[in-house]
């Protein structure tokens, strides 16, 4: 009798364990993501006026800036040019930082980095009569909790789409971010092939309040098809029909830029 009770209890315990364990794993994964400290991104856009400037900036980024930042712990630094430029191309750089402290202390650390100073001398010491670039537009972004780390895609021929959603006030901007995070829009993106590289809320920069994100595709045909799939997705239609998430109420302007990676880009 005791043996039968023991066997029964053992089987019950085993069954409960097999039922609870997957749930526990899912819960643990969710908690881990929520507790992951979000990265910060500097988004730089270099304005250039000729091929000499483009070469100067690319040489600096490839041989001086990126190696120095890698030594400081910043990985997966992306450098891109416009896919179909209007006039002379701009260069876009996406620079991840593990924390705000890393971002704010980088300049002082680079000033003491002799290898960086030597490798970047032509760029850093360019004369006013022959500048390495015209201007830099720079924004500081904080990664979304729903995607706290940049996800670099496979290195192969591909295009990128950089999108910015502007809102008419801070409350509307936060609501759009909520739509991506808690509303599940990021998950839908991934499911339908709108492969995200990063999502970030602009905390310093122009056109605030806004959020900026980057997607990647093999080509423009895949881009068009996957956006079409997204637009007809039942779950997306359900979320976008929620009154508080309707774009007309929380998004006032959308801009986009198509990009191709430089040969030395780490994204």
Protein backbone atom coordinates (compact mmCIF):
# COMPACT_ATOMS: atom_id res chain seq x y z
CA UNK A 1 0.00 0.00 0.00
CA UNK A 2 2.77 2.39 0.93
CA UNK A 3 4.62 1.50 -2.26
CA UNK A 4 1.52 2.26 -4.39
CA UNK A 5 1.16 5.67 -2.68
CA UNK A 6 4.84 6.42 -3.23
CA UNK A 7 4.66 5.55 -6.95
CA UNK A 8 1.49 7.60 -7.36
CA UNK A 9 3.06 10.58 -5.62
CA UNK A 10 6.19 10.29 -7.77
CA UNK A 11 4.17 10.20 -10.99
CA UNK A 12 2.10 13.21 -9.88
CA UNK A 13 5.22 15.18 -9.02
CA UNK A 14 6.80 14.31 -12.36
CA UNK A 15 3.68 15.33 -14.26
CA UNK A 16 3.43 18.65 -12.43
CA UNK A 17 7.11 19.34 -13.01
CA UNK A 18 6.81 18.73 -16.76
CA UNK A 19 3.80 21.06 -16.85
CA UNK A 20 5.28 23.87 -14.79
CA UNK A 21 8.82 23.89 -16.18
CA UNK A 22 8.09 25.32 -19.66
CA UNK A 23 5.94 28.05 -18.11
CA UNK A 24 8.73 28.84 -15.71
CA UNK A 25 11.19 29.08 -18.58
CA UNK A 26 8.92 31.46 -20.50
CA UNK A 27 8.38 33.58 -17.41
CA UNK A 28 12.09 33.65 -16.70
CA UNK A 29 12.82 34.68 -20.28
CA UNK A 30 10.28 37.50 -20.07
CA UNK A 31 11.69 38.71 -16.76
CA UNK A 32 15.23 38.55 -18.15
CA UNK A 33 14.28 40.72 -21.14
CA UNK A 34 12.47 43.24 -18.94
CA UNK A 35 15.49 43.48 -16.64
CA UNK A 36 18.04 43.79 -19.44
CA UNK A 37 19.56 47.24 -19.36
CA UNK A 38 18.80 49.00 -22.64
CA UNK A 39 21.61 50.17 -24.87
CA UNK A 40 22.02 53.73 -26.08
CA UNK A 41 22.74 54.68 -29.68
CA UNK A 42 24.34 57.69 -31.23
CA UNK A 43 22.89 58.23 -34.68
CA UNK A 44 25.24 60.38 -36.77
CA UNK A 45 24.49 61.80 -40.20
CA UNK A 46 27.48 63.35 -41.97
CA UNK A 47 26.71 65.99 -44.60
CA UNK A 48 29.24 65.83 -47.42
CA UNK A 49 29.74 67.85 -50.58
CA UNK A 50 32.26 65.88 -52.61
CA UNK A 51 34.10 62.58 -53.03
CA UNK A 52 37.14 63.87 -51.14
CA UNK A 53 35.08 64.42 -48.01
CA UNK A 54 33.43 61.04 -48.31
CA UNK A 55 36.80 59.33 -48.54
CA UNK A 56 38.12 61.34 -45.57
CA UNK A 57 35.20 60.38 -43.32
CA UNK A 58 35.13 56.74 -44.39
CA UNK A 59 38.90 56.40 -43.86
CA UNK A 60 38.58 57.95 -40.39
CA UNK A 61 35.67 55.72 -39.40
CA UNK A 62 37.29 52.55 -40.73
CA UNK A 63 40.86 53.04 -39.50
CA UNK A 64 40.50 55.19 -36.38
CA UNK A 65 37.06 55.65 -34.86
CA UNK A 66 35.56 52.16 -35.13
CA UNK A 67 38.70 50.30 -33.92
CA UNK A 68 38.98 52.71 -30.97
CA UNK A 69 35.33 52.27 -30.00
CA UNK A 70 35.66 48.50 -30.32
CA UNK A 71 38.53 48.66 -27.84
CA UNK A 72 36.26 50.59 -25.47
CA UNK A 73 33.53 47.95 -25.70
CA UNK A 74 31.21 49.39 -28.37
CA UNK A 75 30.44 46.65 -30.89
CA UNK A 76 28.34 46.34 -34.05
CA UNK A 77 28.97 49.87 -35.32
CA UNK A 78 27.16 50.48 -38.58
CA UNK A 79 28.18 52.85 -41.38
CA UNK A 80 25.90 53.42 -44.37
CA UNK A 81 25.47 55.55 -47.46
CA UNK A 82 22.19 56.43 -49.12
CA UNK A 83 20.72 53.81 -51.44
CA UNK A 84 19.39 56.37 -53.93
CA UNK A 85 20.95 59.69 -52.91
CA UNK A 86 19.36 63.04 -53.62
CA UNK A 87 22.41 65.09 -54.57
CA UNK A 88 25.69 64.05 -52.98
CA UNK A 89 25.32 61.20 -50.52
CA UNK A 90 25.21 61.44 -46.75
CA UNK A 91 27.00 58.99 -44.47
CA UNK A 92 25.01 57.53 -41.59
CA UNK A 93 26.64 55.93 -38.55
CA UNK A 94 24.89 53.94 -35.81
CA UNK A 95 27.04 53.64 -32.70
CA UNK A 96 25.87 51.47 -29.77
CA UNK A 97 26.91 52.21 -26.18
CA UNK A 98 26.34 49.93 -23.23
CA UNK A 99 25.41 52.80 -20.93
CA UNK A 100 25.08 56.57 -20.75
CA UNK A 101 28.36 56.69 -18.85
CA UNK A 102 30.10 54.96 -21.75
CA UNK A 103 28.64 57.51 -24.14
CA UNK A 104 29.61 60.58 -22.11
CA UNK A 105 33.14 59.40 -21.28
CA UNK A 106 34.10 58.24 -24.77
CA UNK A 107 35.35 61.64 -25.95
CA UNK A 108 37.78 61.96 -23.03
CA UNK A 109 39.00 58.42 -23.52
CA UNK A 110 39.62 58.96 -27.24
CA UNK A 111 41.62 62.09 -26.45
CA UNK A 112 44.05 59.88 -24.52
CA UNK A 113 44.15 57.08 -27.11
CA UNK A 114 47.40 57.56 -29.04
CA UNK A 115 46.58 54.89 -31.64
CA UNK A 116 43.27 56.61 -32.38
CA UNK A 117 44.86 60.06 -32.55
CA UNK A 118 47.51 58.84 -34.97
CA UNK A 119 45.15 56.86 -37.20
CA UNK A 120 42.63 59.72 -37.37
CA UNK A 121 45.12 62.59 -37.71
CA UNK A 122 44.10 63.69 -41.21
CA UNK A 123 40.44 63.89 -40.20
CA UNK A 124 41.00 65.35 -36.74
CA UNK A 125 43.44 68.01 -37.93
CA UNK A 126 41.76 69.00 -41.20
CA UNK A 127 42.06 72.70 -42.07
CA UNK A 128 39.02 74.98 -42.23
CA UNK A 129 39.78 75.54 -45.92
CA UNK A 130 39.51 71.79 -46.59
CA UNK A 131 37.14 70.30 -43.97
CA UNK A 132 36.64 66.55 -43.75
CA UNK A 133 32.85 67.08 -43.80
CA UNK A 134 30.33 69.91 -43.79
CA UNK A 135 28.40 69.15 -40.59
CA UNK A 136 27.32 66.28 -38.32
CA UNK A 137 23.71 65.89 -37.23
CA UNK A 138 23.73 63.77 -34.09
CA UNK A 139 20.98 62.19 -31.97
CA UNK A 140 21.15 60.13 -28.78
CA UNK A 141 18.65 57.27 -28.60
CA UNK A 142 17.60 54.92 -25.82
CA UNK A 143 16.74 51.36 -26.87
CA UNK A 144 13.19 50.10 -26.36
CA UNK A 145 12.57 47.66 -23.49
CA UNK A 146 10.99 45.32 -26.05
CA UNK A 147 14.30 45.16 -27.93
CA UNK A 148 16.98 46.40 -25.52
CA UNK A 149 19.95 45.29 -27.64
CA UNK A 150 20.86 45.86 -31.26
CA UNK A 151 20.51 42.71 -33.38
CA UNK A 152 23.05 42.69 -36.19
CA UNK A 153 21.87 40.71 -39.24
CA UNK A 154 23.88 38.22 -41.24
CA UNK A 155 26.63 39.89 -43.25
CA UNK A 156 25.61 39.70 -46.90
CA UNK A 157 24.34 41.98 -49.62
CA UNK A 158 21.30 43.80 -48.23
CA UNK A 159 19.54 47.14 -47.83
CA UNK A 160 18.44 48.96 -44.69
CA UNK A 161 15.52 51.23 -43.99
CA UNK A 162 15.88 53.93 -41.33
CA UNK A 163 12.49 55.23 -40.19
CA UNK A 164 11.58 58.08 -37.86
CA UNK A 165 8.13 58.56 -36.34
CA UNK A 166 7.49 62.05 -35.00
CA UNK A 167 4.65 62.85 -32.59
CA UNK A 168 2.90 66.11 -31.77
CA UNK A 169 3.71 65.89 -28.04
CA UNK A 170 5.54 63.74 -25.50
CA UNK A 171 2.42 61.84 -24.40
CA UNK A 172 1.67 60.75 -27.96
CA UNK A 173 5.31 59.78 -28.48
CA UNK A 174 5.28 57.55 -25.39
CA UNK A 175 2.04 55.96 -26.54
CA UNK A 176 3.60 54.99 -29.89
CA UNK A 177 6.54 53.43 -28.04
CA UNK A 178 4.05 51.54 -25.85
CA UNK A 179 2.43 50.22 -29.03
CA UNK A 180 5.75 48.70 -30.08
CA UNK A 181 6.60 47.32 -26.64
CA UNK A 182 3.50 46.28 -24.71
CA UNK A 183 1.22 46.35 -27.76
CA UNK A 184 3.29 43.68 -29.48
CA UNK A 185 4.19 45.52 -32.68
CA UNK A 186 7.84 44.48 -32.46
CA UNK A 187 6.81 40.81 -32.38
CA UNK A 188 4.63 41.30 -35.45
CA UNK A 189 7.52 42.98 -37.28
CA UNK A 190 9.73 39.98 -36.67
CA UNK A 191 7.07 37.48 -37.64
CA UNK A 192 6.25 39.05 -41.02
CA UNK A 193 9.85 39.68 -42.08
CA UNK A 194 10.28 43.34 -41.16
CA UNK A 195 13.59 42.39 -39.57
CA UNK A 196 14.50 45.05 -37.00
CA UNK A 197 18.08 46.00 -36.20
CA UNK A 198 17.25 48.42 -33.38
CA UNK A 199 14.48 50.59 -31.94
CA UNK A 200 15.29 53.79 -30.09
CA UNK A 201 13.56 56.73 -28.44
CA UNK A 202 15.34 59.99 -29.25
CA UNK A 203 16.26 61.65 -25.95
CA UNK A 204 18.58 64.27 -27.46
CA UNK A 205 18.36 65.44 -31.06
CA UNK A 206 16.23 67.21 -33.66
CA UNK A 207 12.53 66.72 -34.39
CA UNK A 208 11.61 65.54 -30.91
CA UNK A 209 9.55 63.83 -29.74
CA UNK A 210 10.34 60.96 -32.04
CA UNK A 211 11.34 57.32 -32.18
CA UNK A 212 13.73 55.91 -34.75
CA UNK A 213 14.26 52.35 -35.87
CA UNK A 214 16.12 50.39 -38.53
CA UNK A 215 14.94 47.42 -40.59
CA UNK A 216 16.83 45.27 -43.08
CA UNK A 217 15.89 43.40 -46.25
CA UNK A 218 17.68 41.43 -48.94
CA UNK A 219 16.40 43.79 -51.63
CA UNK A 220 13.64 46.27 -52.46
CA UNK A 221 11.33 43.51 -53.71
CA UNK A 222 11.46 41.82 -50.31
CA UNK A 223 10.98 45.22 -48.66
CA UNK A 224 7.78 45.90 -50.60
CA UNK A 225 6.39 42.40 -50.10
CA UNK A 226 7.05 42.26 -46.35
CA UNK A 227 5.52 45.68 -45.72
CA UNK A 228 2.48 44.52 -47.68
CA UNK A 229 2.28 41.38 -45.52
CA UNK A 230 2.53 43.53 -42.39
CA UNK A 231 -0.26 45.84 -43.55
CA UNK A 232 -2.67 42.93 -44.06
CA UNK A 233 -1.69 41.02 -40.91
CA UNK A 234 -4.78 40.33 -38.73
CA UNK A 235 -2.95 40.95 -35.47
CA UNK A 236 -1.57 44.26 -36.76
CA UNK A 237 -5.04 45.32 -37.89
CA UNK A 238 -6.40 44.51 -34.44
CA UNK A 239 -3.71 46.53 -32.64
CA UNK A 240 -3.84 49.49 -35.01
CA UNK A 241 -7.62 49.73 -34.61
CA UNK A 242 -7.36 50.30 -30.86
CA UNK A 243 -8.35 53.99 -30.46
CA UNK A 244 -5.35 54.94 -28.31
CA UNK A 245 -2.94 53.37 -30.84
CA UNK A 246 -4.34 54.88 -34.03
CA UNK A 247 -1.55 56.63 -35.96
CA UNK A 248 -3.73 59.67 -36.63
CA UNK A 249 -3.72 60.35 -32.89
CA UNK A 250 -0.09 59.64 -32.01
CA UNK A 251 2.06 60.03 -35.17
CA UNK A 252 2.32 63.38 -36.92
CA UNK A 253 5.08 62.66 -39.46
CA UNK A 254 7.04 59.71 -40.81
CA UNK A 255 10.37 59.99 -42.63
CA UNK A 256 12.49 57.20 -44.05
CA UNK A 257 15.89 56.72 -45.62
CA UNK A 258 17.14 53.71 -47.57
CA UNK A 259 20.74 52.77 -46.90
CA UNK A 260 23.45 50.38 -48.02
CA UNK A 261 26.30 49.36 -45.69
CA UNK A 262 29.90 50.39 -46.24
CA UNK A 263 32.32 47.56 -46.92
CA UNK A 264 33.77 47.96 -43.40
CA UNK A 265 30.40 48.38 -41.62
CA UNK A 266 29.92 45.99 -38.70
CA UNK A 267 26.18 45.93 -39.43
